[in-house]
Amino acid sequence: QVQLVESGGGLVQAGGSLRLSCAASGRTFSGYHMGWFRQPPGKEREFVAGITRSGSSTYYSDSVKGRFTISRDNAKNTLYLQMNGLKPEDTAVYFCNAAIINLGVWRSQYDSWGQGTQVTVSS
């Protein structure tokens, strides 16, 4: 299993931008599809964006499509999430995880999660 550490969160005004990073160690990072997930206050964790092993294909939830961009650098074992046009409803703890695709639905591959990184968007 790959170990993951998220960073880059913070407090930003609506319309602003943040770039999240996820540093991976352990098993071969490039062997995993990867995803970003988030958990808003008082709500369930949800899928945000996914990227295939090589980075050739990306997928987004409808709520972030056109505003967020997921990318990866397999040479640096790092996953990124560029977030533009942030909205107050994007406020959440953001997590990365290895991912699987089941009938077109992206899910986390593992049940264990890192500490995540807090993103707070003020109106």
C-alpha atoms as a PDB file:
ATOM      1  CA  GLN A   1       0.000   0.000   0.000  1.00  0.00           C
ATOM      2  CA  VAL A   2       1.219   3.485  -0.796  1.00  0.00           C
ATOM      3  CA  GLN A   3       1.599   6.048   1.990  1.00  0.00           C
ATOM      4  CA  LEU A   4       0.196   9.506   1.253  1.00  0.00           C
ATOM      5  CA  VAL A   5       0.636  12.992   2.745  1.00  0.00           C
ATOM      6  CA  GLU A   6      -1.564  15.865   1.614  1.00  0.00           C
ATOM      7  CA  SER A   7      -0.575  19.530   1.785  1.00  0.00           C
ATOM      8  CA  GLY A   8      -1.382  22.940   0.324  1.00  0.00           C
ATOM      9  CA  GLY A   9      -4.709  23.747   1.933  1.00  0.00           C
ATOM     10  CA  GLY A  10      -5.565  27.048   3.539  1.00  0.00           C
ATOM     11  CA  LEU A  11      -8.018  29.904   3.847  1.00  0.00           C
ATOM     12  CA  VAL A  12      -8.923  31.696   0.633  1.00  0.00           C
ATOM     13  CA  GLN A  13     -11.606  34.118  -0.516  1.00  0.00           C
ATOM     14  CA  ALA A  14     -14.274  33.053  -2.966  1.00  0.00           C
ATOM     15  CA  GLY A  15     -12.902  33.176  -6.497  1.00  0.00           C
ATOM     16  CA  GLY A  16      -9.391  32.451  -5.346  1.00  0.00           C
ATOM     17  CA  SER A  17      -7.086  29.542  -6.112  1.00  0.00           C
ATOM     18  CA  LEU A  18      -5.139  26.884  -4.266  1.00  0.00           C
ATOM     19  CA  ARG A  19      -2.891  24.037  -5.363  1.00  0.00           C
ATOM     20  CA  LEU A  20      -2.957  20.861  -3.323  1.00  0.00           C
ATOM     21  CA  SER A  21      -0.171  18.296  -3.342  1.00  0.00           C
ATOM     22  CA  CYS A  22      -0.114  14.653  -2.327  1.00  0.00           C
ATOM     23  CA  ALA A  23       3.303  13.102  -1.734  1.00  0.00           C
ATOM     24  CA  ALA A  24       3.401   9.332  -2.084  1.00  0.00           C
ATOM     25  CA  SER A  25       5.890   6.817  -0.743  1.00  0.00           C
ATOM     26  CA  GLY A  26       6.033   3.079  -0.467  1.00  0.00           C
ATOM     27  CA  ARG A  27       4.824   0.940  -3.343  1.00  0.00           C
ATOM     28  CA  THR A  28       5.095   2.117  -6.917  1.00  0.00           C
ATOM     29  CA  PHE A  29       3.019   5.277  -7.267  1.00  0.00           C
ATOM     30  CA  SER A  30       2.736   4.943 -11.016  1.00  0.00           C
ATOM     31  CA  GLY A  31       0.969   1.606 -10.586  1.00  0.00           C
ATOM     32  CA  TYR A  32      -2.148   3.245  -9.138  1.00  0.00           C
ATOM     33  CA  HIS A  33      -5.015   5.247 -10.455  1.00  0.00           C
ATOM     34  CA  MET A  34      -5.252   8.178  -8.044  1.00  0.00           C
ATOM     35  CA  GLY A  35      -8.062  10.338  -6.791  1.00  0.00           C
ATOM     36  CA  TRP A  36      -8.842  13.395  -4.739  1.00  0.00           C
ATOM     37  CA  PHE A  37     -11.735  13.154  -2.332  1.00  0.00           C
ATOM     38  CA  ARG A  38     -13.180  15.684   0.092  1.00  0.00           C
ATOM     39  CA  GLN A  39     -15.299  15.724   3.216  1.00  0.00           C
ATOM     40  CA  PRO A  40     -17.307  18.892   3.824  1.00  0.00           C
ATOM     41  CA  PRO A  41     -18.276  19.703   7.433  1.00  0.00           C
ATOM     42  CA  GLY A  42     -20.958  17.321   8.647  1.00  0.00           C
ATOM     43  CA  LYS A  43     -21.144  15.424   5.354  1.00  0.00           C
ATOM     44  CA  GLU A  44     -19.895  12.196   3.828  1.00  0.00           C
ATOM     45  CA  ARG A  45     -16.602  11.997   1.970  1.00  0.00           C
ATOM     46  CA  GLU A  46     -17.080  12.427  -1.780  1.00  0.00           C
ATOM     47  CA  PHE A  47     -15.116  11.936  -4.973  1.00  0.00           C
ATOM     48  CA  VAL A  48     -13.687  15.107  -6.524  1.00  0.00           C
ATOM     49  CA  ALA A  49     -11.282  14.134  -9.301  1.00  0.00           C
ATOM     50  CA  GLY A  50      -9.442  11.090 -10.613  1.00  0.00           C
ATOM     51  CA  ILE A  51      -6.497  10.392 -12.882  1.00  0.00           C
ATOM     52  CA  THR A  52      -5.358   7.184 -14.505  1.00  0.00           C
ATOM     53  CA  ARG A  53      -1.964   5.562 -13.880  1.00  0.00           C
ATOM     54  CA  SER A  54      -0.181   7.276 -16.755  1.00  0.00           C
ATOM     55  CA  GLY A  55      -2.043  10.535 -16.374  1.00  0.00           C
ATOM     56  CA  SER A  56      -3.567  10.214 -19.828  1.00  0.00           C
ATOM     57  CA  SER A  57      -7.180  10.453 -18.615  1.00  0.00           C
ATOM     58  CA  THR A  58      -8.851  12.572 -15.965  1.00  0.00           C
ATOM     59  CA  TYR A  59     -12.343  12.602 -14.467  1.00  0.00           C
ATOM     60  CA  TYR A  60     -14.195  15.149 -12.361  1.00  0.00           C
ATOM     61  CA  SER A  61     -17.330  15.422 -10.313  1.00  0.00           C
ATOM     62  CA  ASP A  62     -19.897  17.742 -11.837  1.00  0.00           C
ATOM     63  CA  SER A  63     -19.457  20.187  -8.969  1.00  0.00           C
ATOM     64  CA  VAL A  64     -15.811  20.937  -9.825  1.00  0.00           C
ATOM     65  CA  LYS A  65     -15.665  20.319 -13.567  1.00  0.00           C
ATOM     66  CA  GLY A  66     -14.143  23.282 -15.366  1.00  0.00           C
ATOM     67  CA  ARG A  67     -12.666  24.747 -12.175  1.00  0.00           C
ATOM     68  CA  PHE A  68     -10.336  22.032 -10.829  1.00  0.00           C
ATOM     69  CA  THR A  69      -7.495  20.241 -12.614  1.00  0.00           C
ATOM     70  CA  ILE A  70      -5.937  17.005 -11.403  1.00  0.00           C
ATOM     71  CA  SER A  71      -2.429  16.056 -12.507  1.00  0.00           C
ATOM     72  CA  ARG A  72       0.409  13.802 -11.449  1.00  0.00           C
ATOM     73  CA  ASP A  73       4.171  13.604 -11.752  1.00  0.00           C
ATOM     74  CA  ASN A  74       5.138   9.940 -11.551  1.00  0.00           C
ATOM     75  CA  ALA A  75       8.845  10.818 -11.494  1.00  0.00           C
ATOM     76  CA  LYS A  76       8.264  12.808  -8.296  1.00  0.00           C
ATOM     77  CA  ASN A  77       5.635  10.441  -6.839  1.00  0.00           C
ATOM     78  CA  THR A  78       3.295  13.410  -6.442  1.00  0.00           C
ATOM     79  CA  LEU A  79      -0.365  14.073  -7.189  1.00  0.00           C
ATOM     80  CA  TYR A  80      -1.736  17.591  -7.597  1.00  0.00           C
ATOM     81  CA  LEU A  81      -5.074  19.362  -7.564  1.00  0.00           C
ATOM     82  CA  GLN A  82      -5.199  22.874  -8.989  1.00  0.00           C
ATOM     83  CA  MET A  83      -8.344  24.561  -7.716  1.00  0.00           C
ATOM     84  CA  ASN A  84      -9.503  27.779  -9.376  1.00  0.00           C
ATOM     85  CA  GLY A  85     -12.698  29.748  -8.943  1.00  0.00           C
ATOM     86  CA  LEU A  86     -13.154  28.443  -5.421  1.00  0.00           C
ATOM     87  CA  LYS A  87     -16.598  28.667  -3.857  1.00  0.00           C
ATOM     88  CA  PRO A  88     -17.685  28.510  -0.209  1.00  0.00           C
ATOM     89  CA  GLU A  89     -19.209  25.096  -0.929  1.00  0.00           C
ATOM     90  CA  ASP A  90     -15.716  23.787  -1.746  1.00  0.00           C
ATOM     91  CA  THR A  91     -14.871  24.122   1.963  1.00  0.00           C
ATOM     92  CA  ALA A  92     -13.812  20.653   3.118  1.00  0.00           C
ATOM     93  CA  VAL A  93     -10.933  18.475   4.200  1.00  0.00           C
ATOM     94  CA  TYR A  94      -9.286  17.180   1.032  1.00  0.00           C
ATOM     95  CA  PHE A  95      -7.736  13.717   0.838  1.00  0.00           C
ATOM     96  CA  CYS A  96      -5.870  11.779  -1.791  1.00  0.00           C
ATOM     97  CA  ASN A  97      -5.984   8.029  -2.156  1.00  0.00           C
ATOM     98  CA  ALA A  98      -5.327   5.286  -4.625  1.00  0.00           C
ATOM     99  CA  ALA A  99      -8.486   4.747  -6.605  1.00  0.00           C
ATOM    100  CA  ILE A 100     -10.416   2.115  -8.494  1.00  0.00           C
ATOM    101  CA  ILE A 101     -13.022   2.545 -11.175  1.00  0.00           C
ATOM    102  CA  ASN A 102     -16.077   0.328 -10.848  1.00  0.00           C
ATOM    103  CA  LEU A 103     -18.820   0.655 -13.477  1.00  0.00           C
ATOM    104  CA  GLY A 104     -17.666   4.196 -14.178  1.00  0.00           C
ATOM    105  CA  VAL A 105     -17.713   5.197 -10.509  1.00  0.00           C
ATOM    106  CA  TRP A 106     -14.468   6.248  -8.857  1.00  0.00           C
ATOM    107  CA  ARG A 107     -13.881   4.940  -5.335  1.00  0.00           C
ATOM    108  CA  SER A 108     -10.947   4.861  -2.962  1.00  0.00           C
ATOM    109  CA  GLN A 109      -8.960   1.655  -3.257  1.00  0.00           C
ATOM    110  CA  TYR A 110      -8.095   1.587   0.432  1.00  0.00           C
ATOM    111  CA  ASP A 111     -10.136   2.290   3.544  1.00  0.00           C
ATOM    112  CA  SER A 112      -7.248   3.990   5.323  1.00  0.00           C
ATOM    113  CA  TRP A 113      -6.859   7.732   4.903  1.00  0.00           C
ATOM    114  CA  GLY A 114      -4.228  10.340   5.705  1.00  0.00           C
ATOM    115  CA  GLN A 115      -4.891  13.464   7.738  1.00  0.00           C
ATOM    116  CA  GLY A 116      -5.957  15.421   4.696  1.00  0.00           C
ATOM    117  CA  THR A 117      -5.561  19.140   4.171  1.00  0.00           C
ATOM    118  CA  GLN A 118      -8.175  21.717   5.165  1.00  0.00           C
ATOM    119  CA  VAL A 119      -9.514  24.070   2.510  1.00  0.00           C
ATOM    120  CA  THR A 120     -11.702  26.926   3.726  1.00  0.00           C
ATOM    121  CA  VAL A 121     -13.320  29.330   1.268  1.00  0.00           C
ATOM    122  CA  SER A 122     -14.809  32.514   2.676  1.00  0.00           C
ATOM    123  CA  SER A 123     -17.624  34.382   0.954  1.00  0.00           C
END
